[in-house]
């Protein structure tokens, strides 16, 4: 029997999908199930009418009383259920309207990002890496807020994808000095990408070292020399 599966709030904010193409994929799956359920409404009514016609036939042919009574009992039970069934199908139709409305809203935002010639399914595949990145970063943020640091399992998710790892490093969710550990033993399909992250970090560290050597060191020496000169002046004054 059909029923209202989710509220509009749940479809908007609770079902899977942190990006629009992922949300579209999920909502279309729910819509397909609701449409299939709606198609069974006519089937339920036809079966009920068939039971009524069969009882009439049994009476016309003067069938044994027990067969007539058994069929009549089944019809009474079905009649009692039909009110609930009709209400359930009405809620199912309402849910289909909600899903179509939400899908229309998603398409308004998602269509400008569609790659020319790509179907919804192809855009879902092309968007998969971005969806994984957003989901993992949100998990890390929630764990940092709740526990002060991301869990080992979530960090491992980030290590499995160079796109996610780069985003986590750039956003400050993972410390840059941990890159040698994060890029070690790279996943089989991301060896080159992980090596590029490691190389990029080495170049940044070299630049940081040069800046410290050229800019910071002279300032420290000048401060020391000034302090020494001040001390000498004070000693001469005391001697006089």
Protein backbone atom coordinates (compact mmCIF):
# COMPACT_ATOMS: atom_id res chain seq x y z
CA UNK A 1 0.00 0.00 0.00
CA UNK A 2 1.38 3.46 -0.86
CA UNK A 3 2.04 6.09 1.79
CA UNK A 4 3.61 9.52 2.14
CA UNK A 5 7.29 8.66 2.42
CA UNK A 6 8.87 12.00 3.33
CA UNK A 7 7.97 15.59 4.18
CA UNK A 8 9.06 18.52 2.01
CA UNK A 9 11.46 19.55 4.78
CA UNK A 10 13.17 16.16 4.72
CA UNK A 11 13.50 16.22 0.94
CA UNK A 12 15.03 19.71 1.08
CA UNK A 13 17.46 19.30 3.93
CA UNK A 14 17.83 15.67 5.03
CA UNK A 15 18.07 13.42 1.98
CA UNK A 16 21.47 12.77 0.42
CA UNK A 17 23.02 15.42 -1.79
CA UNK A 18 25.29 18.35 -0.86
CA UNK A 19 25.55 19.45 -4.50
CA UNK A 20 22.71 20.03 -6.94
CA UNK A 21 23.44 17.19 -9.35
CA UNK A 22 23.65 14.72 -6.48
CA UNK A 23 20.41 16.07 -5.03
CA UNK A 24 18.73 15.76 -8.44
CA UNK A 25 19.84 12.12 -8.68
CA UNK A 26 18.43 11.35 -5.24
CA UNK A 27 15.12 13.18 -5.74
CA UNK A 28 14.57 11.51 -9.12
CA UNK A 29 14.99 8.14 -7.42
CA UNK A 30 12.29 8.99 -4.88
CA UNK A 31 10.05 10.36 -7.64
CA UNK A 32 10.35 7.15 -9.64
CA UNK A 33 9.19 5.13 -6.63
CA UNK A 34 6.24 7.45 -5.97
CA UNK A 35 5.15 7.38 -9.64
CA UNK A 36 5.29 3.58 -9.69
CA UNK A 37 3.15 3.50 -6.53
CA UNK A 38 0.59 5.85 -8.12
CA UNK A 39 0.25 3.50 -11.09
CA UNK A 40 -1.00 0.77 -8.72
CA UNK A 41 -4.02 2.81 -7.65
CA UNK A 42 -6.05 1.70 -10.66
CA UNK A 43 -4.87 -1.87 -10.13
CA UNK A 44 -6.24 -1.85 -6.57
CA UNK A 45 -9.66 -0.64 -7.72
CA UNK A 46 -9.84 -3.19 -10.55
CA UNK A 47 -9.05 -6.03 -8.13
CA UNK A 48 -11.77 -4.80 -5.77
CA UNK A 49 -14.34 -4.66 -8.57
CA UNK A 50 -13.30 -8.15 -9.69
CA UNK A 51 -14.02 -9.49 -6.19
CA UNK A 52 -17.48 -7.90 -6.25
CA UNK A 53 -18.24 -9.36 -9.70
CA UNK A 54 -17.05 -12.79 -8.61
CA UNK A 55 -19.41 -12.74 -5.63
CA UNK A 56 -22.28 -11.80 -7.94
CA UNK A 57 -21.39 -14.72 -10.21
CA UNK A 58 -21.31 -17.14 -7.29
CA UNK A 59 -24.79 -16.06 -6.29
CA UNK A 60 -26.14 -16.29 -9.86
CA UNK A 61 -24.78 -19.80 -10.33
CA UNK A 62 -26.07 -20.85 -6.94
CA UNK A 63 -22.54 -21.77 -5.75
CA UNK A 64 -22.10 -23.47 -2.37
CA UNK A 65 -22.98 -21.19 0.50
CA UNK A 66 -19.55 -21.40 2.13
CA UNK A 67 -17.85 -20.13 -1.05
CA UNK A 68 -20.23 -17.18 -1.21
CA UNK A 69 -19.65 -16.36 2.46
CA UNK A 70 -15.87 -16.59 2.11
CA UNK A 71 -15.92 -14.23 -0.89
CA UNK A 72 -18.29 -11.83 0.87
CA UNK A 73 -15.99 -11.68 3.90
CA UNK A 74 -13.06 -10.83 1.67
CA UNK A 75 -15.05 -8.01 0.03
CA UNK A 76 -16.08 -6.55 3.39
CA UNK A 77 -12.45 -6.52 4.49
CA UNK A 78 -11.35 -4.89 1.22
CA UNK A 79 -14.12 -2.28 1.50
CA UNK A 80 -12.93 -1.28 4.96
CA UNK A 81 -9.40 -0.89 3.63
CA UNK A 82 -10.33 1.07 0.52
CA UNK A 83 -10.91 4.30 2.47
CA UNK A 84 -7.38 4.11 3.89
CA UNK A 85 -5.94 3.08 0.52
CA UNK A 86 -7.58 6.01 -1.28
CA UNK A 87 -6.23 8.42 1.36
CA UNK A 88 -2.75 6.93 0.99
CA UNK A 89 -2.86 7.37 -2.79
CA UNK A 90 -3.94 10.99 -2.34
CA UNK A 91 -0.92 11.65 -0.08
CA UNK A 92 1.26 9.90 -2.65
CA UNK A 93 0.02 12.32 -5.34
CA UNK A 94 0.83 15.25 -3.03
CA UNK A 95 4.33 13.90 -2.55
CA UNK A 96 4.81 13.65 -6.32
CA UNK A 97 3.91 17.36 -6.59
CA UNK A 98 6.46 18.21 -3.87
CA UNK A 99 9.20 16.24 -5.63
CA UNK A 100 8.48 17.84 -9.00
CA UNK A 101 8.59 21.30 -7.40
CA UNK A 102 11.93 20.62 -5.68
CA UNK A 103 13.42 19.14 -8.85
CA UNK A 104 12.40 22.26 -10.79
CA UNK A 105 14.18 24.43 -8.20
CA UNK A 106 17.31 22.27 -8.42
CA UNK A 107 17.39 22.42 -12.20
CA UNK A 108 17.23 26.23 -12.17
CA UNK A 109 20.49 26.29 -10.20
CA UNK A 110 22.14 23.24 -11.80
CA UNK A 111 21.48 23.92 -15.51
CA UNK A 112 24.09 26.73 -15.83
CA UNK A 113 26.75 24.21 -14.76
CA UNK A 114 25.71 21.50 -17.22
CA UNK A 115 28.47 20.47 -19.63
CA UNK A 116 27.21 20.84 -23.17
CA UNK A 117 25.73 17.59 -24.45
CA UNK A 118 25.79 15.87 -21.04
CA UNK A 119 22.72 14.05 -19.73
CA UNK A 120 21.65 14.16 -16.08
CA UNK A 121 23.38 10.82 -15.47
CA UNK A 122 26.61 12.03 -17.09
CA UNK A 123 26.53 15.21 -15.00
CA UNK A 124 26.01 13.05 -11.91
CA UNK A 125 29.19 11.13 -12.80
CA UNK A 126 31.15 14.30 -13.58
CA UNK A 127 30.03 15.85 -10.29
CA UNK A 128 30.84 12.79 -8.13
CA UNK A 129 34.29 14.00 -7.06
CA UNK A 130 32.95 17.42 -6.07
CA UNK A 131 30.10 15.82 -4.09
CA UNK A 132 32.59 13.59 -2.26
CA UNK A 133 34.77 16.62 -1.46
CA UNK A 134 31.91 18.72 -0.08
CA UNK A 135 30.54 15.83 1.98
CA UNK A 136 33.95 14.98 3.46
CA UNK A 137 34.78 18.61 4.28
CA UNK A 138 31.43 19.07 6.00
CA UNK A 139 32.04 15.92 8.04
CA UNK A 140 35.45 17.27 9.07
CA UNK A 141 33.95 20.62 10.05
CA UNK A 142 31.25 19.01 12.19
CA UNK A 143 33.79 16.75 13.92
CA UNK A 144 36.13 19.67 14.64
CA UNK A 145 33.24 21.65 16.15
CA UNK A 146 32.11 18.68 18.25
CA UNK A 147 35.42 17.03 19.18
CA UNK A 148 38.16 19.53 18.39
CA UNK A 149 39.61 17.46 15.53
CA UNK A 150 38.45 15.31 12.60
CA UNK A 151 38.12 11.59 13.15
CA UNK A 152 40.69 9.16 11.68
CA UNK A 153 38.03 7.71 9.37
CA UNK A 154 37.21 11.13 7.87
CA UNK A 155 40.90 12.00 7.40
CA UNK A 156 41.31 8.67 5.60
CA UNK A 157 38.44 9.65 3.28
CA UNK A 158 40.31 12.86 2.47
CA UNK A 159 43.55 10.95 1.83
CA UNK A 160 41.75 8.76 -0.72
CA UNK A 161 41.07 11.66 -3.07
CA UNK A 162 43.63 14.32 -4.11
CA UNK A 163 40.86 16.85 -4.85
CA UNK A 164 39.49 16.50 -1.32
CA UNK A 165 42.93 16.53 0.26
CA UNK A 166 43.91 19.72 -1.55
CA UNK A 167 40.67 21.42 -0.51
CA UNK A 168 41.14 20.33 3.13
CA UNK A 169 44.70 21.69 3.16
CA UNK A 170 43.77 24.98 1.52
CA UNK A 171 40.88 25.51 3.93
CA UNK A 172 43.10 24.84 6.95
CA UNK A 173 41.18 21.77 8.10
CA UNK A 174 44.40 19.76 7.87
CA UNK A 175 47.88 21.10 8.78
CA UNK A 176 50.22 21.63 5.81
CA UNK A 177 53.19 20.12 7.68
CA UNK A 178 51.36 16.77 7.67
CA UNK A 179 51.52 16.51 3.86
CA UNK A 180 54.34 13.89 3.82
CA UNK A 181 52.14 11.62 5.94
CA UNK A 182 48.95 12.44 4.07
CA UNK A 183 50.46 11.75 0.65
CA UNK A 184 52.41 8.65 1.60
CA UNK A 185 51.14 5.31 0.27
CA UNK A 186 48.94 7.06 -2.28
CA UNK A 187 45.78 5.36 -3.62
CA UNK A 188 46.37 3.34 -6.79
CA UNK A 189 44.47 5.81 -9.00
CA UNK A 190 45.97 8.97 -7.47
CA UNK A 191 49.73 8.40 -7.31
CA UNK A 192 50.63 11.28 -9.66
CA UNK A 193 48.19 13.72 -8.04
CA UNK A 194 49.50 12.96 -4.54
CA UNK A 195 53.09 13.42 -5.75
CA UNK A 196 52.12 16.82 -7.18
CA UNK A 197 50.69 17.89 -3.80
CA UNK A 198 53.90 16.82 -2.07
CA UNK A 199 56.10 18.65 -4.61
CA UNK A 200 54.04 21.80 -4.32
CA UNK A 201 54.42 21.79 -0.55
CA UNK A 202 58.21 21.40 -0.82
CA UNK A 203 58.39 24.46 -3.07
CA UNK A 204 56.31 26.47 -0.59
CA UNK A 205 58.57 25.44 2.29
CA UNK A 206 61.66 26.53 0.33
CA UNK A 207 60.12 29.95 -0.33
CA UNK A 208 59.21 30.34 3.33
CA UNK A 209 62.81 29.54 4.37
CA UNK A 210 64.25 32.10 1.95
CA UNK A 211 61.92 34.82 3.23
CA UNK A 212 62.92 34.16 6.83
CA UNK A 213 66.67 34.26 5.99
CA UNK A 214 66.57 37.49 3.98
CA UNK A 215 64.03 39.55 5.87
CA UNK A 216 64.04 38.50 9.50
CA UNK A 217 67.71 37.94 10.30
CA UNK A 218 69.02 41.53 9.74
CA UNK A 219 66.29 42.98 11.96
CA UNK A 220 67.35 40.73 14.85
CA UNK A 221 71.04 41.77 14.46
CA UNK A 222 70.20 45.49 14.41
CA UNK A 223 68.15 45.16 17.57
CA UNK A 224 71.02 43.41 19.37
CA UNK A 225 73.57 46.05 18.30
CA UNK A 226 71.36 48.89 19.50
CA UNK A 227 70.96 47.23 22.89
CA UNK A 228 74.76 46.81 23.21
CA UNK A 229 75.37 50.51 22.37
CA UNK A 230 72.81 51.60 24.98
CA UNK A 231 74.50 49.46 27.63
CA UNK A 232 77.92 51.02 26.85
CA UNK A 233 76.53 54.57 27.15
CA UNK A 234 75.04 53.72 30.54
CA UNK A 235 78.37 52.38 31.82
CA UNK A 236 80.27 55.53 30.72
CA UNK A 237 77.72 57.71 32.53
CA UNK A 238 78.13 55.76 35.75
CA UNK A 239 81.92 56.03 35.54
CA UNK A 240 81.79 59.87 35.35
